[in-house]
C-alpha atoms as a PDB file:
ATOM      1  CA  PHE A   1      -4.179  -1.135  -6.460  1.00  0.00           C
ATOM      2  CA  ILE A   2      -3.476   0.973  -9.512  1.00  0.00           C
ATOM      3  CA  ARG A   3      -5.533   1.572 -12.604  1.00  0.00           C
ATOM      4  CA  ARG A   4      -3.774   0.392 -15.735  1.00  0.00           C
ATOM      5  CA  SER A   5      -3.980   1.848 -19.253  1.00  0.00           C
ATOM      6  CA  ASP A   6      -6.614  -0.730 -20.236  1.00  0.00           C
ATOM      7  CA  GLY A   7      -8.850   0.337 -17.313  1.00  0.00           C
ATOM      8  CA  ASN A   8      -8.217  -2.748 -15.171  1.00  0.00           C
ATOM      9  CA  TRP A   9      -7.112  -2.459 -11.543  1.00  0.00           C
ATOM     10  CA  THR A  10      -3.889  -4.290 -10.625  1.00  0.00           C
ATOM     11  CA  TYR A  11      -2.160  -4.941  -7.310  1.00  0.00           C
ATOM     12  CA  ALA A  12       1.114  -2.988  -7.151  1.00  0.00           C
ATOM     13  CA  GLU A  13       3.716  -2.035  -4.556  1.00  0.00           C
ATOM     14  CA  VAL A  14       5.290   1.386  -4.167  1.00  0.00           C
ATOM     15  CA  LYS A  15       8.859   1.402  -5.440  1.00  0.00           C
ATOM     16  CA  SER A  16       9.658   5.070  -4.868  1.00  0.00           C
ATOM     17  CA  PHE A  17       8.419   8.608  -4.547  1.00  0.00           C
ATOM     18  CA  GLU A  18       9.991  10.757  -7.241  1.00  0.00           C
ATOM     19  CA  GLU A  19      10.227  14.321  -8.418  1.00  0.00           C
ATOM     20  CA  THR A  20      10.530  15.247 -12.090  1.00  0.00           C
ATOM     21  CA  PRO A  21      13.111  17.789 -13.274  1.00  0.00           C
ATOM     22  CA  GLN A  22      10.176  20.234 -13.469  1.00  0.00           C
ATOM     23  CA  GLY A  23       9.522  19.716  -9.725  1.00  0.00           C
ATOM     24  CA  ARG A  24       6.368  17.589 -10.098  1.00  0.00           C
ATOM     25  CA  ALA A  25       5.746  14.752  -7.648  1.00  0.00           C
ATOM     26  CA  SER A  26       5.062  11.180  -8.773  1.00  0.00           C
ATOM     27  CA  ILE A  27       4.866   7.683  -7.331  1.00  0.00           C
ATOM     28  CA  ARG A  28       6.485   4.716  -9.078  1.00  0.00           C
ATOM     29  CA  PHE A  29       4.944   1.259  -8.561  1.00  0.00           C
ATOM     30  CA  ILE A  30       6.214  -2.274  -9.201  1.00  0.00           C
ATOM     31  CA  VAL A  31       3.410  -4.017 -11.096  1.00  0.00           C
ATOM     32  CA  ASN A  32       4.619  -7.598 -11.603  1.00  0.00           C
ATOM     33  CA  GLN A  33       7.253 -10.178 -10.706  1.00  0.00           C
ATOM     34  CA  LYS A  34       9.480  -9.000 -13.575  1.00  0.00           C
ATOM     35  CA  ASN A  35       9.860  -5.672 -11.712  1.00  0.00           C
ATOM     36  CA  SER A  36       8.067  -3.744 -14.448  1.00  0.00           C
ATOM     37  CA  SER A  37       7.055  -0.343 -13.162  1.00  0.00           C
ATOM     38  CA  LYS A  38       4.395   2.293 -13.687  1.00  0.00           C
ATOM     39  CA  SER A  39       4.625   5.903 -12.553  1.00  0.00           C
ATOM     40  CA  TYR A  40       1.753   8.282 -11.763  1.00  0.00           C
ATOM     41  CA  ALA A  41       1.963  12.066 -11.525  1.00  0.00           C
ATOM     42  CA  LYS A  42       0.231  13.671  -8.546  1.00  0.00           C
ATOM     43  CA  LYS A  43      -2.778  14.772 -10.623  1.00  0.00           C
ATOM     44  CA  TYR A  44      -3.678  11.050 -11.134  1.00  0.00           C
ATOM     45  CA  TRP A  45      -3.313   9.907  -7.510  1.00  0.00           C
ATOM     46  CA  LYS A  46      -7.017  10.336  -6.632  1.00  0.00           C
ATOM     47  CA  THR A  47      -8.327   8.589  -9.746  1.00  0.00           C
ATOM     48  CA  HIS A  48      -5.704   5.902 -10.465  1.00  0.00           C
ATOM     49  CA  ILE A  49      -4.451   4.759  -7.035  1.00  0.00           C
ATOM     50  CA  ARG A  50      -6.443   2.831  -4.416  1.00  0.00           C
ATOM     51  CA  PRO A  51      -4.474   2.019  -1.256  1.00  0.00           C
ATOM     52  CA  LEU A  52      -5.193  -1.160   0.668  1.00  0.00           C
ATOM     53  CA  LYS A  53      -6.813  -0.804   4.046  1.00  0.00           C
ATOM     54  CA  ILE A  54      -4.696  -2.713   6.553  1.00  0.00           C
ATOM     55  CA  THR A  55      -6.476  -4.022   9.628  1.00  0.00           C
ATOM     56  CA  PRO A  56      -4.137  -4.659  12.572  1.00  0.00           C
ATOM     57  CA  LYS A  57      -4.216  -8.165  13.987  1.00  0.00           C
ATOM     58  CA  LYS A  58      -5.244  -8.561  17.595  1.00  0.00           C
ATOM     59  CA  ASN A  59      -2.501  -9.909  19.827  1.00  0.00           C
ATOM     60  CA  PRO A  60      -3.968 -12.672  22.031  1.00  0.00           C
ATOM     61  CA  SER A  61      -1.405 -11.995  24.773  1.00  0.00           C
ATOM     62  CA  SER A  62      -2.623  -8.401  25.114  1.00  0.00           C
ATOM     63  CA  SER A  63      -6.188  -9.447  25.818  1.00  0.00           C
ATOM     64  CA  SER A  64      -8.184  -7.462  28.340  1.00  0.00           C
ATOM     65  CA  VAL A  65      -8.896 -10.704  30.204  1.00  0.00           C
ATOM     66  CA  GLU A  66      -6.660 -11.087  33.265  1.00  0.00           C
ATOM     67  CA  ARG A  67      -4.673 -14.295  33.530  1.00  0.00           C
ATOM     68  CA  ARG A  68      -4.740 -15.813  36.973  1.00  0.00           C
ATOM     69  CA  GLY A  69      -2.632 -18.651  38.272  1.00  0.00           C
ATOM     70  CA  ARG A  70      -3.922 -21.374  40.566  1.00  0.00           C
ATOM     71  CA  GLY A  71      -3.902 -20.437  44.218  1.00  0.00           C
ATOM     72  CA  ARG A  72      -1.973 -22.727  46.614  1.00  0.00           C
END
């Protein structure tokens, strides 16, 4: 999520990592389906960017329970 000019937080996806001609780092985000973008200089990363926390899904086939076939 990124903080917009009006103070609201909006879901956005990273478009690119950029460097200005002055050598300053920034991140450009896509903010809507029209591909509008918003860029943040490094000094705003801590206050204006909130990354999502991704929780990995558990794979049922990699369970710790052993699968046993029927004995014959």
